[in-house]
N, C-alpha and C. Protein backbone atom coordinates (compact mmCIF):
# COMPACT_ATOMS: atom_id res chain seq x y z
N UNK A 1 103.83 -46.36 -83.96
CA UNK A 1 102.84 -46.97 -83.08
C UNK A 1 102.32 -48.22 -83.79
N UNK A 2 102.39 -49.35 -83.13
CA UNK A 2 101.93 -50.58 -83.75
C UNK A 2 100.41 -50.72 -83.64
N UNK A 3 99.90 -51.69 -84.34
CA UNK A 3 98.44 -51.89 -84.40
C UNK A 3 97.85 -52.15 -83.01
N UNK A 4 98.55 -52.89 -82.19
CA UNK A 4 98.06 -53.21 -80.84
C UNK A 4 97.92 -51.94 -79.99
N UNK A 5 98.87 -51.06 -80.08
CA UNK A 5 98.82 -49.79 -79.34
C UNK A 5 97.71 -48.89 -79.86
N UNK A 6 97.53 -48.87 -81.19
CA UNK A 6 96.45 -48.07 -81.77
C UNK A 6 95.08 -48.57 -81.30
N UNK A 7 94.90 -49.87 -81.30
CA UNK A 7 93.63 -50.45 -80.87
C UNK A 7 93.40 -50.18 -79.37
N UNK A 8 94.45 -50.33 -78.56
CA UNK A 8 94.35 -50.06 -77.12
C UNK A 8 94.01 -48.60 -76.85
N UNK A 9 94.64 -47.68 -77.58
CA UNK A 9 94.36 -46.25 -77.42
C UNK A 9 92.92 -45.94 -77.85
N UNK A 10 92.50 -46.53 -78.95
CA UNK A 10 91.13 -46.32 -79.44
C UNK A 10 90.10 -46.80 -78.43
N UNK A 11 90.34 -47.97 -77.82
CA UNK A 11 89.41 -48.50 -76.81
C UNK A 11 89.40 -47.64 -75.55
N UNK A 12 90.55 -47.11 -75.17
CA UNK A 12 90.61 -46.23 -73.99
C UNK A 12 89.84 -44.94 -74.25
N UNK A 13 89.97 -44.37 -75.44
CA UNK A 13 89.21 -43.16 -75.80
C UNK A 13 87.72 -43.47 -75.83
N UNK A 14 87.35 -44.60 -76.40
CA UNK A 14 85.95 -45.02 -76.44
C UNK A 14 85.40 -45.15 -75.02
N UNK A 15 86.20 -45.69 -74.12
CA UNK A 15 85.77 -45.85 -72.73
C UNK A 15 85.46 -44.49 -72.10
N UNK A 16 86.32 -43.48 -72.35
CA UNK A 16 86.09 -42.14 -71.81
C UNK A 16 84.78 -41.58 -72.35
N UNK A 17 84.54 -41.76 -73.64
CA UNK A 17 83.29 -41.27 -74.26
C UNK A 17 82.09 -41.99 -73.64
N UNK A 18 82.18 -43.30 -73.49
CA UNK A 18 81.06 -44.06 -72.93
C UNK A 18 80.80 -43.70 -71.47
N UNK A 19 81.86 -43.40 -70.72
CA UNK A 19 81.67 -42.97 -69.33
C UNK A 19 80.93 -41.63 -69.26
N UNK A 20 81.10 -40.80 -70.30
CA UNK A 20 80.47 -39.47 -70.32
C UNK A 20 79.00 -39.52 -70.76
N UNK A 21 78.57 -40.59 -71.42
CA UNK A 21 77.19 -40.68 -71.93
C UNK A 21 76.15 -40.43 -70.84
N UNK A 22 76.22 -41.04 -69.66
CA UNK A 22 75.20 -40.78 -68.64
C UNK A 22 75.12 -39.31 -68.21
N UNK A 23 76.25 -38.59 -68.26
CA UNK A 23 76.23 -37.18 -67.87
C UNK A 23 75.48 -36.33 -68.89
N UNK A 24 75.55 -36.71 -70.15
CA UNK A 24 74.88 -35.93 -71.19
C UNK A 24 73.43 -36.35 -71.40
N UNK A 25 73.07 -37.51 -70.91
CA UNK A 25 71.69 -38.00 -71.05
C UNK A 25 71.15 -38.42 -69.68
N UNK A 26 70.88 -37.44 -68.80
CA UNK A 26 70.39 -37.78 -67.46
C UNK A 26 69.00 -38.41 -67.53
N UNK A 27 68.69 -39.24 -66.57
CA UNK A 27 67.38 -39.88 -66.51
C UNK A 27 66.38 -38.85 -66.00
N UNK A 28 65.32 -38.67 -66.76
CA UNK A 28 64.28 -37.72 -66.40
C UNK A 28 63.20 -38.42 -65.58
N UNK A 29 62.61 -37.72 -64.62
CA UNK A 29 61.49 -38.30 -63.89
C UNK A 29 60.33 -38.59 -64.85
N UNK A 30 59.52 -39.54 -64.47
CA UNK A 30 58.36 -39.91 -65.28
C UNK A 30 57.10 -39.83 -64.43
N UNK A 31 55.97 -39.75 -65.09
CA UNK A 31 54.68 -39.74 -64.42
C UNK A 31 54.19 -41.18 -64.36
N UNK A 32 53.97 -41.67 -63.16
CA UNK A 32 53.58 -43.07 -62.95
C UNK A 32 52.10 -43.15 -62.60
N UNK A 33 51.41 -44.11 -63.23
CA UNK A 33 50.00 -44.39 -62.94
C UNK A 33 49.94 -45.83 -62.45
N UNK A 34 49.32 -46.06 -61.30
CA UNK A 34 49.30 -47.39 -60.70
C UNK A 34 47.91 -47.69 -60.15
N UNK A 35 47.28 -48.73 -60.70
CA UNK A 35 45.96 -49.14 -60.21
C UNK A 35 46.06 -50.37 -59.32
N UNK A 36 47.26 -50.72 -58.90
CA UNK A 36 47.44 -51.89 -58.05
C UNK A 36 46.92 -51.70 -56.64
N UNK A 37 46.81 -50.44 -56.20
CA UNK A 37 46.30 -50.17 -54.86
C UNK A 37 44.80 -50.46 -54.83
N UNK A 38 44.33 -51.06 -53.76
CA UNK A 38 42.93 -51.43 -53.67
C UNK A 38 42.12 -50.39 -52.92
N UNK A 39 40.95 -50.04 -53.48
CA UNK A 39 40.01 -49.18 -52.77
C UNK A 39 39.30 -50.09 -51.78
N UNK A 40 39.53 -49.92 -50.49
CA UNK A 40 39.14 -50.92 -49.50
C UNK A 40 37.71 -50.88 -49.00
N UNK A 41 36.85 -50.03 -49.58
CA UNK A 41 35.52 -49.87 -49.00
C UNK A 41 34.56 -49.30 -50.03
N UNK A 42 33.27 -49.28 -49.69
CA UNK A 42 32.28 -48.63 -50.54
C UNK A 42 32.52 -47.11 -50.58
N UNK A 43 31.87 -46.39 -51.51
CA UNK A 43 32.18 -44.98 -51.73
C UNK A 43 32.02 -44.07 -50.51
N UNK A 44 31.00 -44.27 -49.71
CA UNK A 44 30.83 -43.40 -48.53
C UNK A 44 32.02 -43.51 -47.60
N UNK A 45 32.47 -44.73 -47.37
CA UNK A 45 33.62 -44.93 -46.49
C UNK A 45 34.90 -44.39 -47.13
N UNK A 46 35.02 -44.51 -48.46
CA UNK A 46 36.21 -43.99 -49.15
C UNK A 46 36.31 -42.48 -48.99
N UNK A 47 35.18 -41.78 -49.13
CA UNK A 47 35.19 -40.32 -48.96
C UNK A 47 35.59 -39.95 -47.54
N UNK A 48 35.09 -40.71 -46.55
CA UNK A 48 35.45 -40.44 -45.16
C UNK A 48 36.94 -40.64 -44.92
N UNK A 49 37.54 -41.56 -45.68
CA UNK A 49 38.97 -41.85 -45.52
C UNK A 49 39.84 -40.87 -46.31
N UNK A 50 39.23 -39.92 -47.00
CA UNK A 50 39.99 -38.89 -47.70
C UNK A 50 40.26 -39.16 -49.17
N UNK A 51 39.66 -40.19 -49.73
CA UNK A 51 39.84 -40.46 -51.16
C UNK A 51 38.98 -39.50 -51.98
N UNK A 52 39.50 -39.07 -53.12
CA UNK A 52 38.71 -38.29 -54.07
C UNK A 52 38.14 -39.28 -55.07
N UNK A 53 36.82 -39.26 -55.27
CA UNK A 53 36.16 -40.18 -56.20
C UNK A 53 35.73 -39.41 -57.43
N UNK A 54 36.13 -39.90 -58.60
CA UNK A 54 35.80 -39.26 -59.87
C UNK A 54 35.17 -40.31 -60.78
N UNK A 55 34.00 -39.99 -61.34
CA UNK A 55 33.34 -40.90 -62.28
C UNK A 55 34.17 -40.99 -63.55
N UNK A 56 34.27 -42.19 -64.10
CA UNK A 56 35.05 -42.41 -65.32
C UNK A 56 34.60 -41.45 -66.42
N UNK A 57 33.30 -41.23 -66.54
CA UNK A 57 32.76 -40.36 -67.58
C UNK A 57 33.21 -38.91 -67.39
N UNK A 58 33.55 -38.52 -66.17
CA UNK A 58 33.97 -37.14 -65.89
C UNK A 58 35.46 -36.91 -66.10
N UNK A 59 36.21 -37.98 -66.36
CA UNK A 59 37.63 -37.82 -66.67
C UNK A 59 37.76 -37.23 -68.07
N UNK A 60 38.82 -36.47 -68.30
CA UNK A 60 39.08 -35.96 -69.65
C UNK A 60 39.39 -37.15 -70.57
N UNK A 61 39.42 -36.88 -71.85
CA UNK A 61 39.74 -37.94 -72.81
C UNK A 61 41.11 -38.53 -72.51
N UNK A 62 42.07 -37.66 -72.19
CA UNK A 62 43.43 -38.13 -71.86
C UNK A 62 43.42 -38.92 -70.55
N UNK A 63 42.63 -38.47 -69.57
CA UNK A 63 42.52 -39.19 -68.31
C UNK A 63 41.94 -40.58 -68.50
N UNK A 64 40.90 -40.69 -69.33
CA UNK A 64 40.31 -42.00 -69.63
C UNK A 64 41.32 -42.89 -70.34
N UNK A 65 42.05 -42.31 -71.29
CA UNK A 65 43.05 -43.07 -72.03
C UNK A 65 44.13 -43.62 -71.10
N UNK A 66 44.62 -42.77 -70.18
CA UNK A 66 45.66 -43.22 -69.24
C UNK A 66 45.13 -44.30 -68.29
N UNK A 67 43.89 -44.15 -67.82
CA UNK A 67 43.29 -45.14 -66.92
C UNK A 67 43.18 -46.49 -67.64
N UNK A 68 42.65 -46.49 -68.85
CA UNK A 68 42.47 -47.74 -69.61
C UNK A 68 43.82 -48.36 -69.93
N UNK A 69 44.78 -47.56 -70.37
CA UNK A 69 46.11 -48.08 -70.70
C UNK A 69 46.78 -48.66 -69.47
N UNK A 70 46.59 -48.04 -68.32
CA UNK A 70 47.16 -48.56 -67.08
C UNK A 70 46.58 -49.94 -66.77
N UNK A 71 45.29 -50.09 -66.91
CA UNK A 71 44.66 -51.39 -66.67
C UNK A 71 45.17 -52.44 -67.67
N UNK A 72 45.35 -52.03 -68.92
CA UNK A 72 45.83 -52.96 -69.95
C UNK A 72 47.27 -53.37 -69.73
N UNK A 73 48.04 -52.55 -69.00
CA UNK A 73 49.45 -52.84 -68.73
C UNK A 73 49.65 -53.41 -67.33
N UNK A 74 48.74 -54.25 -66.90
CA UNK A 74 48.83 -54.92 -65.60
C UNK A 74 48.91 -53.96 -64.43
N UNK A 75 48.24 -52.82 -64.55
CA UNK A 75 48.10 -51.91 -63.42
C UNK A 75 49.20 -50.90 -63.23
N UNK A 76 50.15 -50.80 -64.17
CA UNK A 76 51.20 -49.79 -64.03
C UNK A 76 51.57 -49.26 -65.40
N UNK A 77 51.63 -47.93 -65.50
CA UNK A 77 51.94 -47.30 -66.78
C UNK A 77 52.67 -46.00 -66.52
N UNK A 78 53.73 -45.74 -67.29
CA UNK A 78 54.53 -44.53 -67.13
C UNK A 78 54.52 -43.73 -68.42
N UNK A 79 54.51 -42.41 -68.26
CA UNK A 79 54.63 -41.50 -69.41
C UNK A 79 55.64 -40.42 -69.06
N UNK A 80 56.13 -39.75 -70.08
CA UNK A 80 57.10 -38.67 -69.86
C UNK A 80 56.41 -37.47 -69.22
N UNK A 81 57.21 -36.61 -68.59
CA UNK A 81 56.67 -35.38 -68.02
C UNK A 81 55.94 -34.60 -69.12
N UNK A 82 54.80 -34.04 -68.78
CA UNK A 82 54.03 -33.29 -69.75
C UNK A 82 53.03 -34.12 -70.53
N UNK A 83 53.06 -35.44 -70.37
CA UNK A 83 52.14 -36.31 -71.11
C UNK A 83 51.06 -36.88 -70.21
N UNK A 84 50.93 -36.35 -69.01
CA UNK A 84 49.90 -36.82 -68.08
C UNK A 84 48.56 -36.18 -68.39
N UNK A 85 47.64 -36.30 -67.45
CA UNK A 85 46.30 -35.70 -67.59
C UNK A 85 46.08 -34.72 -66.45
N UNK A 86 45.37 -33.66 -66.74
CA UNK A 86 45.07 -32.66 -65.71
C UNK A 86 44.17 -33.23 -64.62
N UNK A 87 43.52 -34.37 -64.90
CA UNK A 87 42.63 -35.00 -63.92
C UNK A 87 43.40 -35.52 -62.70
N UNK A 88 44.66 -35.79 -62.88
CA UNK A 88 45.46 -36.42 -61.83
C UNK A 88 46.53 -35.47 -61.33
N UNK A 89 46.78 -35.54 -60.03
CA UNK A 89 47.92 -34.84 -59.46
C UNK A 89 49.12 -35.77 -59.54
N UNK A 90 50.28 -35.24 -59.73
CA UNK A 90 51.48 -36.07 -59.82
C UNK A 90 52.48 -35.62 -58.75
N UNK A 91 52.21 -35.97 -57.48
CA UNK A 91 53.12 -35.54 -56.42
C UNK A 91 54.46 -36.27 -56.49
N UNK A 92 55.49 -35.63 -55.96
CA UNK A 92 56.80 -36.27 -55.85
C UNK A 92 56.78 -37.19 -54.63
N UNK A 93 57.83 -37.98 -54.46
CA UNK A 93 57.89 -38.90 -53.31
C UNK A 93 57.79 -38.15 -51.99
N UNK A 94 58.43 -36.99 -51.89
CA UNK A 94 58.36 -36.19 -50.66
C UNK A 94 56.95 -35.69 -50.40
N UNK A 95 56.26 -35.26 -51.44
CA UNK A 95 54.88 -34.81 -51.30
C UNK A 95 53.95 -35.95 -50.91
N UNK A 96 54.23 -37.15 -51.43
CA UNK A 96 53.41 -38.32 -51.07
C UNK A 96 53.57 -38.63 -49.59
N UNK A 97 54.80 -38.59 -49.08
CA UNK A 97 55.03 -38.83 -47.65
C UNK A 97 54.29 -37.80 -46.81
N UNK A 98 54.32 -36.54 -47.24
CA UNK A 98 53.62 -35.48 -46.51
C UNK A 98 52.11 -35.72 -46.54
N UNK A 99 51.59 -36.22 -47.66
CA UNK A 99 50.15 -36.50 -47.75
C UNK A 99 49.77 -37.60 -46.76
N UNK A 100 50.58 -38.66 -46.70
CA UNK A 100 50.30 -39.74 -45.75
C UNK A 100 50.38 -39.23 -44.31
N UNK A 101 51.35 -38.37 -44.04
CA UNK A 101 51.48 -37.81 -42.70
C UNK A 101 50.27 -36.97 -42.31
N UNK A 102 49.65 -36.32 -43.30
CA UNK A 102 48.46 -35.49 -43.05
C UNK A 102 47.17 -36.30 -43.09
N UNK A 103 47.27 -37.60 -43.34
CA UNK A 103 46.08 -38.46 -43.35
C UNK A 103 45.30 -38.46 -44.64
N UNK A 104 45.89 -37.93 -45.73
CA UNK A 104 45.21 -37.97 -47.02
C UNK A 104 45.88 -39.01 -47.90
N UNK A 105 45.12 -39.44 -48.89
CA UNK A 105 45.62 -40.47 -49.80
C UNK A 105 46.02 -39.84 -51.13
N UNK A 106 47.18 -40.22 -51.68
CA UNK A 106 47.55 -39.72 -53.01
C UNK A 106 46.73 -40.44 -54.07
N UNK A 107 46.44 -39.76 -55.16
CA UNK A 107 45.71 -40.38 -56.25
C UNK A 107 44.21 -40.22 -56.08
N UNK A 108 43.48 -40.91 -56.92
CA UNK A 108 42.02 -40.82 -56.92
C UNK A 108 41.42 -42.20 -56.99
N UNK A 109 40.10 -42.26 -56.82
CA UNK A 109 39.36 -43.49 -57.02
C UNK A 109 38.45 -43.26 -58.21
N UNK A 110 38.54 -44.13 -59.21
CA UNK A 110 37.73 -44.00 -60.41
C UNK A 110 36.46 -44.82 -60.22
N UNK A 111 35.33 -44.17 -60.36
CA UNK A 111 34.04 -44.86 -60.30
C UNK A 111 33.73 -45.34 -61.71
N UNK A 112 33.79 -46.65 -61.87
CA UNK A 112 33.53 -47.24 -63.18
C UNK A 112 32.03 -47.21 -63.48
N UNK A 113 31.63 -47.08 -64.75
CA UNK A 113 30.22 -47.12 -65.08
C UNK A 113 29.63 -48.49 -64.72
N UNK A 114 28.34 -48.51 -64.43
CA UNK A 114 27.71 -49.79 -64.10
C UNK A 114 27.86 -50.78 -65.25
N UNK A 115 27.76 -50.29 -66.47
CA UNK A 115 27.93 -51.14 -67.65
C UNK A 115 29.31 -50.85 -68.24
N UNK A 116 30.33 -51.42 -67.63
CA UNK A 116 31.72 -51.12 -68.01
C UNK A 116 32.31 -52.20 -68.90
N UNK A 117 31.51 -52.76 -69.79
CA UNK A 117 32.00 -53.87 -70.63
C UNK A 117 33.07 -53.42 -71.61
N UNK A 118 33.08 -52.14 -71.99
CA UNK A 118 34.08 -51.64 -72.94
C UNK A 118 35.43 -51.40 -72.25
N UNK A 119 35.44 -51.38 -70.93
CA UNK A 119 36.67 -51.14 -70.18
C UNK A 119 37.35 -52.47 -69.83
N UNK A 120 38.67 -52.45 -69.68
CA UNK A 120 39.35 -53.65 -69.18
C UNK A 120 38.85 -53.96 -67.77
N UNK A 121 39.02 -55.19 -67.30
CA UNK A 121 38.57 -55.52 -65.94
C UNK A 121 39.23 -54.63 -64.90
N UNK A 122 38.49 -54.35 -63.85
CA UNK A 122 38.99 -53.54 -62.75
C UNK A 122 40.20 -54.21 -62.11
N UNK A 123 41.06 -53.40 -61.56
CA UNK A 123 42.25 -53.91 -60.88
C UNK A 123 41.97 -54.18 -59.41
N UNK A 124 40.74 -53.94 -58.97
CA UNK A 124 40.39 -54.13 -57.56
C UNK A 124 40.29 -55.63 -57.24
N UNK A 125 40.65 -55.95 -56.06
CA UNK A 125 40.56 -57.33 -55.58
C UNK A 125 39.69 -57.34 -54.34
N UNK A 126 38.96 -58.39 -54.17
CA UNK A 126 38.05 -58.53 -53.03
C UNK A 126 38.74 -59.43 -52.02
N UNK A 127 39.31 -58.85 -50.98
CA UNK A 127 40.09 -59.60 -50.00
C UNK A 127 39.28 -59.91 -48.75
N UNK A 128 38.20 -60.63 -48.93
CA UNK A 128 37.43 -61.03 -47.77
C UNK A 128 36.67 -59.91 -47.12
N UNK A 129 36.56 -58.78 -47.78
CA UNK A 129 35.81 -57.65 -47.21
C UNK A 129 34.38 -57.77 -47.67
N UNK A 130 33.38 -57.60 -46.92
CA UNK A 130 33.40 -57.28 -45.50
C UNK A 130 33.73 -58.50 -44.66
N UNK A 131 34.16 -58.26 -43.48
CA UNK A 131 34.56 -59.36 -42.61
C UNK A 131 33.33 -60.13 -42.12
N UNK A 132 33.56 -61.34 -41.68
CA UNK A 132 32.48 -62.22 -41.23
C UNK A 132 31.72 -61.64 -40.05
N UNK A 133 32.37 -60.82 -39.23
CA UNK A 133 31.70 -60.32 -38.03
C UNK A 133 30.74 -59.15 -38.33
N UNK A 134 30.58 -58.78 -39.61
CA UNK A 134 29.62 -57.73 -39.95
C UNK A 134 28.20 -58.28 -40.06
N UNK A 135 28.04 -59.60 -40.06
CA UNK A 135 26.72 -60.21 -40.05
C UNK A 135 25.97 -60.13 -41.37
N UNK A 136 26.66 -60.07 -42.49
CA UNK A 136 26.00 -60.02 -43.79
C UNK A 136 25.80 -61.44 -44.32
N UNK A 137 24.65 -61.66 -44.96
CA UNK A 137 24.45 -62.96 -45.60
C UNK A 137 25.20 -62.96 -46.93
N UNK A 138 25.19 -64.10 -47.62
CA UNK A 138 25.97 -64.21 -48.85
C UNK A 138 25.52 -63.22 -49.92
N UNK A 139 24.24 -63.02 -50.05
CA UNK A 139 23.71 -62.09 -51.05
C UNK A 139 24.15 -60.65 -50.74
N UNK A 140 24.08 -60.26 -49.49
CA UNK A 140 24.51 -58.91 -49.11
C UNK A 140 26.02 -58.75 -49.30
N UNK A 141 26.77 -59.78 -48.95
CA UNK A 141 28.22 -59.73 -49.11
C UNK A 141 28.59 -59.63 -50.59
N UNK A 142 27.88 -60.36 -51.46
CA UNK A 142 28.14 -60.31 -52.90
C UNK A 142 27.82 -58.92 -53.45
N UNK A 143 26.72 -58.35 -53.01
CA UNK A 143 26.33 -57.02 -53.45
C UNK A 143 27.38 -55.99 -53.02
N UNK A 144 27.87 -56.12 -51.83
CA UNK A 144 28.90 -55.20 -51.32
C UNK A 144 30.21 -55.38 -52.08
N UNK A 145 30.53 -56.63 -52.40
CA UNK A 145 31.75 -56.91 -53.16
C UNK A 145 31.68 -56.24 -54.54
N UNK A 146 30.53 -56.35 -55.21
CA UNK A 146 30.37 -55.73 -56.52
C UNK A 146 30.48 -54.22 -56.43
N UNK A 147 29.95 -53.66 -55.36
CA UNK A 147 30.02 -52.22 -55.16
C UNK A 147 31.47 -51.79 -54.96
N UNK A 148 32.21 -52.54 -54.17
CA UNK A 148 33.62 -52.22 -53.92
C UNK A 148 34.43 -52.32 -55.21
N UNK A 149 34.20 -53.37 -56.01
CA UNK A 149 34.98 -53.58 -57.23
C UNK A 149 34.65 -52.55 -58.31
N UNK A 150 33.58 -51.80 -58.14
CA UNK A 150 33.23 -50.76 -59.11
C UNK A 150 34.10 -49.52 -58.91
N UNK A 151 34.78 -49.42 -57.78
CA UNK A 151 35.62 -48.28 -57.47
C UNK A 151 37.08 -48.72 -57.53
N UNK A 152 37.82 -48.15 -58.47
CA UNK A 152 39.18 -48.57 -58.74
C UNK A 152 40.16 -47.48 -58.32
N UNK A 153 40.98 -47.75 -57.32
CA UNK A 153 41.96 -46.77 -56.84
C UNK A 153 43.10 -46.65 -57.84
N UNK A 154 43.51 -45.41 -58.09
CA UNK A 154 44.63 -45.17 -59.00
C UNK A 154 45.54 -44.12 -58.38
N UNK A 155 46.73 -44.55 -58.02
CA UNK A 155 47.69 -43.59 -57.47
C UNK A 155 48.58 -43.09 -58.61
N UNK A 156 48.92 -41.83 -58.53
CA UNK A 156 49.78 -41.21 -59.54
C UNK A 156 50.90 -40.48 -58.82
N UNK A 157 52.05 -40.41 -59.45
CA UNK A 157 53.18 -39.68 -58.84
C UNK A 157 54.24 -39.39 -59.89
N UNK A 158 55.12 -38.49 -59.52
CA UNK A 158 56.28 -38.18 -60.33
C UNK A 158 57.46 -38.89 -59.67
N UNK A 159 58.12 -39.76 -60.43
CA UNK A 159 59.21 -40.55 -59.84
C UNK A 159 60.24 -40.92 -60.89
N UNK A 160 61.40 -41.28 -60.41
CA UNK A 160 62.44 -41.79 -61.29
C UNK A 160 61.99 -43.13 -61.86
N UNK A 161 62.32 -43.43 -63.12
CA UNK A 161 61.96 -44.73 -63.66
C UNK A 161 62.72 -45.84 -62.93
N UNK A 162 62.16 -47.04 -62.86
CA UNK A 162 62.86 -48.13 -62.17
C UNK A 162 64.12 -48.55 -62.93
N UNK A 163 64.94 -49.34 -62.28
CA UNK A 163 66.22 -49.74 -62.90
C UNK A 163 66.04 -50.50 -64.20
N UNK A 164 64.93 -51.18 -64.39
CA UNK A 164 64.71 -51.95 -65.62
C UNK A 164 64.16 -51.12 -66.76
N UNK A 165 63.89 -49.84 -66.55
CA UNK A 165 63.33 -48.99 -67.61
C UNK A 165 64.42 -48.66 -68.64
N UNK A 166 64.00 -48.40 -69.86
CA UNK A 166 64.93 -48.16 -70.97
C UNK A 166 65.96 -47.08 -70.67
N UNK A 167 65.61 -45.90 -70.15
CA UNK A 167 66.66 -44.90 -69.88
C UNK A 167 67.72 -45.39 -68.89
N UNK A 168 67.29 -46.13 -67.90
CA UNK A 168 68.25 -46.66 -66.92
C UNK A 168 69.14 -47.73 -67.56
N UNK A 169 68.53 -48.57 -68.41
CA UNK A 169 69.31 -49.63 -69.06
C UNK A 169 70.36 -49.05 -70.01
N UNK A 170 70.02 -47.97 -70.72
CA UNK A 170 70.98 -47.32 -71.62
C UNK A 170 72.19 -46.83 -70.83
N UNK A 171 71.94 -46.21 -69.69
CA UNK A 171 73.04 -45.74 -68.85
C UNK A 171 73.89 -46.91 -68.34
N UNK A 172 73.23 -47.97 -67.91
CA UNK A 172 73.95 -49.13 -67.38
C UNK A 172 74.80 -49.79 -68.47
N UNK A 173 74.23 -49.98 -69.65
CA UNK A 173 74.97 -50.61 -70.75
C UNK A 173 76.15 -49.74 -71.14
N UNK A 174 75.95 -48.42 -71.16
CA UNK A 174 77.04 -47.51 -71.50
C UNK A 174 78.21 -47.66 -70.53
N UNK A 175 77.92 -47.71 -69.25
CA UNK A 175 78.98 -47.84 -68.25
C UNK A 175 79.65 -49.22 -68.34
N UNK A 176 78.85 -50.26 -68.55
CA UNK A 176 79.44 -51.60 -68.67
C UNK A 176 80.36 -51.70 -69.89
N UNK A 177 79.94 -51.13 -71.02
CA UNK A 177 80.80 -51.13 -72.21
C UNK A 177 82.05 -50.28 -71.98
N UNK A 178 81.91 -49.20 -71.25
CA UNK A 178 83.07 -48.36 -70.94
C UNK A 178 84.09 -49.13 -70.11
N UNK A 179 83.61 -49.84 -69.11
CA UNK A 179 84.52 -50.63 -68.26
C UNK A 179 85.20 -51.72 -69.10
N UNK A 180 84.45 -52.37 -69.95
CA UNK A 180 85.01 -53.42 -70.80
C UNK A 180 86.05 -52.83 -71.76
N UNK A 181 85.71 -51.70 -72.39
CA UNK A 181 86.65 -51.06 -73.32
C UNK A 181 87.93 -50.61 -72.61
N UNK A 182 87.75 -50.04 -71.42
CA UNK A 182 88.92 -49.60 -70.66
C UNK A 182 89.79 -50.78 -70.26
N UNK A 183 89.17 -51.86 -69.85
CA UNK A 183 89.94 -53.04 -69.46
C UNK A 183 90.71 -53.64 -70.61
N UNK A 184 90.02 -53.82 -71.75
CA UNK A 184 90.69 -54.41 -72.92
C UNK A 184 91.74 -53.44 -73.47
N UNK A 185 91.38 -52.14 -73.56
CA UNK A 185 92.35 -51.16 -74.05
C UNK A 185 93.56 -51.07 -73.16
N UNK A 186 93.36 -51.06 -71.86
CA UNK A 186 94.49 -51.02 -70.92
C UNK A 186 95.36 -52.24 -71.03
N UNK A 187 94.74 -53.38 -71.23
CA UNK A 187 95.52 -54.63 -71.39
C UNK A 187 96.37 -54.56 -72.65
N UNK A 188 95.75 -54.09 -73.74
CA UNK A 188 96.50 -54.02 -75.00
C UNK A 188 97.65 -53.03 -74.90
N UNK A 189 97.44 -51.91 -74.21
CA UNK A 189 98.50 -50.91 -74.07
C UNK A 189 99.61 -51.38 -73.13
N UNK A 190 99.27 -52.16 -72.12
CA UNK A 190 100.28 -52.56 -71.14
C UNK A 190 101.07 -53.80 -71.56
N UNK A 191 100.59 -54.55 -72.51
CA UNK A 191 101.28 -55.79 -72.90
C UNK A 191 101.95 -55.61 -74.26
N UNK A 192 103.00 -54.82 -74.27
CA UNK A 192 103.71 -54.57 -75.53
C UNK A 192 104.70 -55.65 -75.82
């Protein structure tokens, strides 16, 4: 067997091994925390709409840590299964759809302390609420805006990591290298 055939055979075997990597290392679901969703109203209206409101101080230490880390990571943070907080429910995508169908909202609304200077800025945005037809003057509208921004919606769920996440990228790179190895190995074996 000449050197070219040995190298081609080696690359073909490597390709088979690389194709098997995703089967031995399946992507595990992760717990997702997302504060990008906006709490659209003051607390009384939020409760009427089915939101659960929890004061920041009443969250467990782990719950507070996850909330703060989520805010620091531009409103989205993922952890492995088992690393979440008991304060949050982590429904699957099917359970989330069922919740919406039943008129309830997944996740909770965190009531930030009035003096929340130690916390990162809230992820809430003020989108022109309240509307002009509510007849509030500027001072009343500003007061209502501050009240709304004190309540930060945080949805949580159990979901597959996105395609750009490290576990997905490892699988993708493995398959791409396998295809490349198979192509080069096959070429070397076929061109004697």
